[in-house]
Protein backbone atom coordinates (compact mmCIF):
# COMPACT_ATOMS: atom_id res chain seq x y z
CA UNK A 1 0.00 0.00 0.00
CA UNK A 2 1.25 3.46 -0.89
CA UNK A 3 2.52 5.60 1.98
CA UNK A 4 0.69 8.87 2.45
CA UNK A 5 2.46 12.16 2.91
CA UNK A 6 1.59 14.12 6.09
CA UNK A 7 -1.09 16.28 4.42
CA UNK A 8 -2.76 13.26 2.82
CA UNK A 9 -2.65 11.39 6.10
CA UNK A 10 -4.19 14.34 7.91
CA UNK A 11 -7.16 14.29 5.54
CA UNK A 12 -7.50 10.52 5.88
CA UNK A 13 -7.50 10.87 9.69
CA UNK A 14 -10.35 13.36 9.37
CA UNK A 15 -12.34 11.05 7.10
CA UNK A 16 -11.73 8.03 9.33
CA UNK A 17 -13.00 10.06 12.26
CA UNK A 18 -16.02 11.61 10.51
CA UNK A 19 -16.73 8.51 8.37
CA UNK A 20 -18.07 10.73 5.57
CA UNK A 21 -17.82 14.43 4.92
CA UNK A 22 -18.34 17.14 2.39
CA UNK A 23 -15.33 19.19 1.26
CA UNK A 24 -16.27 22.03 3.61
CA UNK A 25 -16.41 19.60 6.57
CA UNK A 26 -12.96 18.27 5.73
CA UNK A 27 -11.53 21.76 5.34
CA UNK A 28 -13.08 22.98 8.60
CA UNK A 29 -11.63 19.99 10.48
CA UNK A 30 -8.07 20.88 9.43
CA UNK A 31 -5.84 22.58 11.96
CA UNK A 32 -5.37 26.31 11.60
CA UNK A 33 -3.83 27.91 9.72
CA UNK A 34 -5.74 25.97 7.10
CA UNK A 35 -4.47 25.66 3.55
CA UNK A 36 -6.66 27.16 0.84
CA UNK A 37 -9.74 25.03 0.17
CA UNK A 38 -8.50 24.52 -3.40
CA UNK A 39 -5.36 22.87 -2.04
CA UNK A 40 -7.48 20.64 0.18
CA UNK A 41 -9.66 19.75 -2.82
CA UNK A 42 -6.55 18.81 -4.82
CA UNK A 43 -5.35 16.50 -2.05
CA UNK A 44 -8.79 14.91 -1.78
CA UNK A 45 -8.87 14.35 -5.55
CA UNK A 46 -5.39 12.78 -5.41
CA UNK A 47 -6.50 10.46 -2.59
CA UNK A 48 -9.57 9.49 -4.58
CA UNK A 49 -7.51 8.77 -7.69
CA UNK A 50 -5.16 6.62 -5.58
CA UNK A 51 -8.14 4.63 -4.23
CA UNK A 52 -7.94 5.81 -0.63
CA UNK A 53 -11.30 7.58 -0.68
CA UNK A 54 -14.48 7.52 -2.71
CA UNK A 55 -17.54 9.74 -2.96
CA UNK A 56 -21.28 9.87 -3.32
CA UNK A 57 -22.61 12.54 -5.66
CA UNK A 58 -25.46 14.83 -4.65
CA UNK A 59 -25.89 16.89 -7.77
CA UNK A 60 -22.68 18.87 -8.09
CA UNK A 61 -21.70 18.24 -4.48
CA UNK A 62 -19.73 15.21 -3.32
CA UNK A 63 -19.72 13.53 0.06
CA UNK A 64 -16.40 11.74 0.60
CA UNK A 65 -15.74 8.62 2.63
CA UNK A 66 -12.72 6.33 3.23
CA UNK A 67 -12.32 3.51 0.73
CA UNK A 68 -9.79 1.76 2.97
CA UNK A 69 -10.03 0.95 6.66
CA UNK A 70 -7.83 2.75 9.13
CA UNK A 71 -6.67 -0.59 10.53
CA UNK A 72 -5.54 -1.75 7.06
CA UNK A 73 -3.48 1.41 6.56
CA UNK A 74 -2.08 1.19 10.10
CA UNK A 75 -1.03 -2.42 9.56
CA UNK A 76 0.69 -1.59 6.28
CA UNK A 77 2.43 1.48 7.73
CA UNK A 78 3.56 -0.42 10.80
CA UNK A 79 4.96 -3.24 8.67
CA UNK A 80 6.90 -0.66 6.64
CA UNK A 81 8.21 0.92 9.85
CA UNK A 82 9.37 -2.42 11.26
CA UNK A 83 10.89 -3.50 7.92
CA UNK A 84 12.64 -0.21 7.17
CA UNK A 85 13.86 0.83 10.62
CA UNK A 86 14.08 -2.38 12.66
CA UNK A 87 15.28 -4.93 10.12
CA UNK A 88 11.86 -6.58 10.05
CA UNK A 89 12.28 -7.60 13.69
CA UNK A 90 9.46 -6.92 16.16
CA UNK A 91 11.96 -7.75 18.92
CA UNK A 92 14.19 -4.85 17.83
CA UNK A 93 11.13 -2.57 17.82
CA UNK A 94 10.17 -3.60 21.36
CA UNK A 95 13.77 -3.22 22.51
CA UNK A 96 13.78 0.30 21.08
CA UNK A 97 10.71 1.24 23.09
CA UNK A 98 12.11 -0.30 26.26
CA UNK A 99 15.52 1.40 25.85
CA UNK A 100 14.71 4.72 24.20
CA UNK A 101 11.17 5.61 25.18
CA UNK A 102 11.66 5.34 28.95
CA UNK A 103 8.76 2.98 29.54
CA UNK A 104 7.96 2.85 33.24
CA UNK A 105 7.73 -0.37 35.18
CA UNK A 106 3.91 -0.46 35.04
CA UNK A 107 3.95 -0.16 31.25
CA UNK A 108 6.57 -2.88 30.98
CA UNK A 109 4.54 -5.17 33.25
CA UNK A 110 1.41 -4.54 31.20
CA UNK A 111 3.28 -5.27 27.97
CA UNK A 112 4.70 -8.47 29.45
CA UNK A 113 1.20 -9.58 30.48
CA UNK A 114 -0.09 -8.95 26.94
CA UNK A 115 2.79 -11.00 25.51
CA UNK A 116 2.08 -13.83 27.94
CA UNK A 117 -1.64 -13.71 27.10
CA UNK A 118 -0.91 -13.81 23.37
CA UNK A 119 1.46 -16.75 23.90
CA UNK A 120 -1.20 -18.74 25.79
CA UNK A 121 -3.89 -18.12 23.12
C-alpha atoms as a PDB file:
ATOM      1  CA  UNK A   1       0.000   0.000   0.000  1.00  0.00           C
ATOM      2  CA  UNK A   2       1.252   3.463  -0.887  1.00  0.00           C
ATOM      3  CA  UNK A   3       2.515   5.598   1.985  1.00  0.00           C
ATOM      4  CA  UNK A   4       0.695   8.868   2.447  1.00  0.00           C
ATOM      5  CA  UNK A   5       2.458  12.165   2.915  1.00  0.00           C
ATOM      6  CA  UNK A   6       1.587  14.116   6.094  1.00  0.00           C
ATOM      7  CA  UNK A   7      -1.087  16.282   4.420  1.00  0.00           C
ATOM      8  CA  UNK A   8      -2.758  13.263   2.818  1.00  0.00           C
ATOM      9  CA  UNK A   9      -2.646  11.385   6.098  1.00  0.00           C
ATOM     10  CA  UNK A  10      -4.193  14.343   7.911  1.00  0.00           C
ATOM     11  CA  UNK A  11      -7.165  14.291   5.536  1.00  0.00           C
ATOM     12  CA  UNK A  12      -7.497  10.522   5.882  1.00  0.00           C
ATOM     13  CA  UNK A  13      -7.499  10.868   9.686  1.00  0.00           C
ATOM     14  CA  UNK A  14     -10.348  13.362   9.374  1.00  0.00           C
ATOM     15  CA  UNK A  15     -12.344  11.048   7.100  1.00  0.00           C
ATOM     16  CA  UNK A  16     -11.732   8.027   9.335  1.00  0.00           C
ATOM     17  CA  UNK A  17     -13.003  10.057  12.265  1.00  0.00           C
ATOM     18  CA  UNK A  18     -16.019  11.613  10.511  1.00  0.00           C
ATOM     19  CA  UNK A  19     -16.725   8.513   8.371  1.00  0.00           C
ATOM     20  CA  UNK A  20     -18.074  10.730   5.574  1.00  0.00           C
ATOM     21  CA  UNK A  21     -17.817  14.429   4.920  1.00  0.00           C
ATOM     22  CA  UNK A  22     -18.340  17.137   2.390  1.00  0.00           C
ATOM     23  CA  UNK A  23     -15.335  19.190   1.265  1.00  0.00           C
ATOM     24  CA  UNK A  24     -16.273  22.028   3.611  1.00  0.00           C
ATOM     25  CA  UNK A  25     -16.406  19.604   6.569  1.00  0.00           C
ATOM     26  CA  UNK A  26     -12.959  18.273   5.729  1.00  0.00           C
ATOM     27  CA  UNK A  27     -11.530  21.755   5.337  1.00  0.00           C
ATOM     28  CA  UNK A  28     -13.078  22.976   8.603  1.00  0.00           C
ATOM     29  CA  UNK A  29     -11.628  19.988  10.482  1.00  0.00           C
ATOM     30  CA  UNK A  30      -8.071  20.881   9.426  1.00  0.00           C
ATOM     31  CA  UNK A  31      -5.841  22.580  11.956  1.00  0.00           C
ATOM     32  CA  UNK A  32      -5.372  26.308  11.596  1.00  0.00           C
ATOM     33  CA  UNK A  33      -3.835  27.908   9.721  1.00  0.00           C
ATOM     34  CA  UNK A  34      -5.744  25.969   7.097  1.00  0.00           C
ATOM     35  CA  UNK A  35      -4.465  25.658   3.551  1.00  0.00           C
ATOM     36  CA  UNK A  36      -6.658  27.155   0.838  1.00  0.00           C
ATOM     37  CA  UNK A  37      -9.739  25.032   0.172  1.00  0.00           C
ATOM     38  CA  UNK A  38      -8.502  24.525  -3.401  1.00  0.00           C
ATOM     39  CA  UNK A  39      -5.359  22.871  -2.038  1.00  0.00           C
ATOM     40  CA  UNK A  40      -7.481  20.637   0.179  1.00  0.00           C
ATOM     41  CA  UNK A  41      -9.658  19.750  -2.820  1.00  0.00           C
ATOM     42  CA  UNK A  42      -6.547  18.813  -4.816  1.00  0.00           C
ATOM     43  CA  UNK A  43      -5.347  16.501  -2.050  1.00  0.00           C
ATOM     44  CA  UNK A  44      -8.795  14.909  -1.778  1.00  0.00           C
ATOM     45  CA  UNK A  45      -8.872  14.346  -5.549  1.00  0.00           C
ATOM     46  CA  UNK A  46      -5.389  12.781  -5.410  1.00  0.00           C
ATOM     47  CA  UNK A  47      -6.495  10.460  -2.589  1.00  0.00           C
ATOM     48  CA  UNK A  48      -9.565   9.489  -4.578  1.00  0.00           C
ATOM     49  CA  UNK A  49      -7.505   8.772  -7.695  1.00  0.00           C
ATOM     50  CA  UNK A  50      -5.165   6.615  -5.585  1.00  0.00           C
ATOM     51  CA  UNK A  51      -8.136   4.631  -4.234  1.00  0.00           C
ATOM     52  CA  UNK A  52      -7.938   5.810  -0.628  1.00  0.00           C
ATOM     53  CA  UNK A  53     -11.301   7.584  -0.679  1.00  0.00           C
ATOM     54  CA  UNK A  54     -14.478   7.521  -2.714  1.00  0.00           C
ATOM     55  CA  UNK A  55     -17.537   9.737  -2.957  1.00  0.00           C
ATOM     56  CA  UNK A  56     -21.282   9.868  -3.321  1.00  0.00           C
ATOM     57  CA  UNK A  57     -22.608  12.542  -5.662  1.00  0.00           C
ATOM     58  CA  UNK A  58     -25.457  14.827  -4.652  1.00  0.00           C
ATOM     59  CA  UNK A  59     -25.890  16.891  -7.775  1.00  0.00           C
ATOM     60  CA  UNK A  60     -22.679  18.875  -8.095  1.00  0.00           C
ATOM     61  CA  UNK A  61     -21.697  18.240  -4.480  1.00  0.00           C
ATOM     62  CA  UNK A  62     -19.730  15.211  -3.319  1.00  0.00           C
ATOM     63  CA  UNK A  63     -19.716  13.525   0.057  1.00  0.00           C
ATOM     64  CA  UNK A  64     -16.396  11.736   0.597  1.00  0.00           C
ATOM     65  CA  UNK A  65     -15.736   8.619   2.630  1.00  0.00           C
ATOM     66  CA  UNK A  66     -12.723   6.333   3.228  1.00  0.00           C
ATOM     67  CA  UNK A  67     -12.316   3.514   0.726  1.00  0.00           C
ATOM     68  CA  UNK A  68      -9.786   1.762   2.972  1.00  0.00           C
ATOM     69  CA  UNK A  69     -10.033   0.954   6.658  1.00  0.00           C
ATOM     70  CA  UNK A  70      -7.826   2.754   9.126  1.00  0.00           C
ATOM     71  CA  UNK A  71      -6.667  -0.591  10.525  1.00  0.00           C
ATOM     72  CA  UNK A  72      -5.539  -1.754   7.062  1.00  0.00           C
ATOM     73  CA  UNK A  73      -3.483   1.411   6.562  1.00  0.00           C
ATOM     74  CA  UNK A  74      -2.081   1.192  10.099  1.00  0.00           C
ATOM     75  CA  UNK A  75      -1.029  -2.416   9.560  1.00  0.00           C
ATOM     76  CA  UNK A  76       0.690  -1.587   6.275  1.00  0.00           C
ATOM     77  CA  UNK A  77       2.430   1.479   7.735  1.00  0.00           C
ATOM     78  CA  UNK A  78       3.556  -0.417  10.800  1.00  0.00           C
ATOM     79  CA  UNK A  79       4.962  -3.237   8.673  1.00  0.00           C
ATOM     80  CA  UNK A  80       6.898  -0.655   6.644  1.00  0.00           C
ATOM     81  CA  UNK A  81       8.207   0.923   9.854  1.00  0.00           C
ATOM     82  CA  UNK A  82       9.374  -2.421  11.260  1.00  0.00           C
ATOM     83  CA  UNK A  83      10.888  -3.502   7.925  1.00  0.00           C
ATOM     84  CA  UNK A  84      12.639  -0.210   7.170  1.00  0.00           C
ATOM     85  CA  UNK A  85      13.858   0.829  10.625  1.00  0.00           C
ATOM     86  CA  UNK A  86      14.085  -2.375  12.658  1.00  0.00           C
ATOM     87  CA  UNK A  87      15.277  -4.930  10.118  1.00  0.00           C
ATOM     88  CA  UNK A  88      11.861  -6.579  10.047  1.00  0.00           C
ATOM     89  CA  UNK A  89      12.280  -7.602  13.687  1.00  0.00           C
ATOM     90  CA  UNK A  90       9.457  -6.917  16.163  1.00  0.00           C
ATOM     91  CA  UNK A  91      11.956  -7.747  18.917  1.00  0.00           C
ATOM     92  CA  UNK A  92      14.191  -4.852  17.829  1.00  0.00           C
ATOM     93  CA  UNK A  93      11.133  -2.570  17.822  1.00  0.00           C
ATOM     94  CA  UNK A  94      10.171  -3.596  21.356  1.00  0.00           C
ATOM     95  CA  UNK A  95      13.770  -3.217  22.510  1.00  0.00           C
ATOM     96  CA  UNK A  96      13.777   0.296  21.078  1.00  0.00           C
ATOM     97  CA  UNK A  97      10.712   1.243  23.095  1.00  0.00           C
ATOM     98  CA  UNK A  98      12.110  -0.295  26.263  1.00  0.00           C
ATOM     99  CA  UNK A  99      15.519   1.399  25.853  1.00  0.00           C
ATOM    100  CA  UNK A 100      14.707   4.724  24.198  1.00  0.00           C
ATOM    101  CA  UNK A 101      11.170   5.612  25.181  1.00  0.00           C
ATOM    102  CA  UNK A 102      11.663   5.343  28.949  1.00  0.00           C
ATOM    103  CA  UNK A 103       8.763   2.983  29.543  1.00  0.00           C
ATOM    104  CA  UNK A 104       7.965   2.854  33.238  1.00  0.00           C
ATOM    105  CA  UNK A 105       7.726  -0.372  35.182  1.00  0.00           C
ATOM    106  CA  UNK A 106       3.912  -0.462  35.039  1.00  0.00           C
ATOM    107  CA  UNK A 107       3.951  -0.158  31.250  1.00  0.00           C
ATOM    108  CA  UNK A 108       6.570  -2.884  30.979  1.00  0.00           C
ATOM    109  CA  UNK A 109       4.543  -5.168  33.252  1.00  0.00           C
ATOM    110  CA  UNK A 110       1.413  -4.535  31.205  1.00  0.00           C
ATOM    111  CA  UNK A 111       3.277  -5.273  27.974  1.00  0.00           C
ATOM    112  CA  UNK A 112       4.701  -8.468  29.454  1.00  0.00           C
ATOM    113  CA  UNK A 113       1.195  -9.577  30.476  1.00  0.00           C
ATOM    114  CA  UNK A 114      -0.088  -8.947  26.944  1.00  0.00           C
ATOM    115  CA  UNK A 115       2.787 -11.001  25.511  1.00  0.00           C
ATOM    116  CA  UNK A 116       2.080 -13.833  27.944  1.00  0.00           C
ATOM    117  CA  UNK A 117      -1.640 -13.707  27.098  1.00  0.00           C
ATOM    118  CA  UNK A 118      -0.911 -13.813  23.365  1.00  0.00           C
ATOM    119  CA  UNK A 119       1.465 -16.750  23.898  1.00  0.00           C
ATOM    120  CA  UNK A 120      -1.205 -18.735  25.789  1.00  0.00           C
ATOM    121  CA  UNK A 121      -3.894 -18.121  23.117  1.00  0.00           C
END
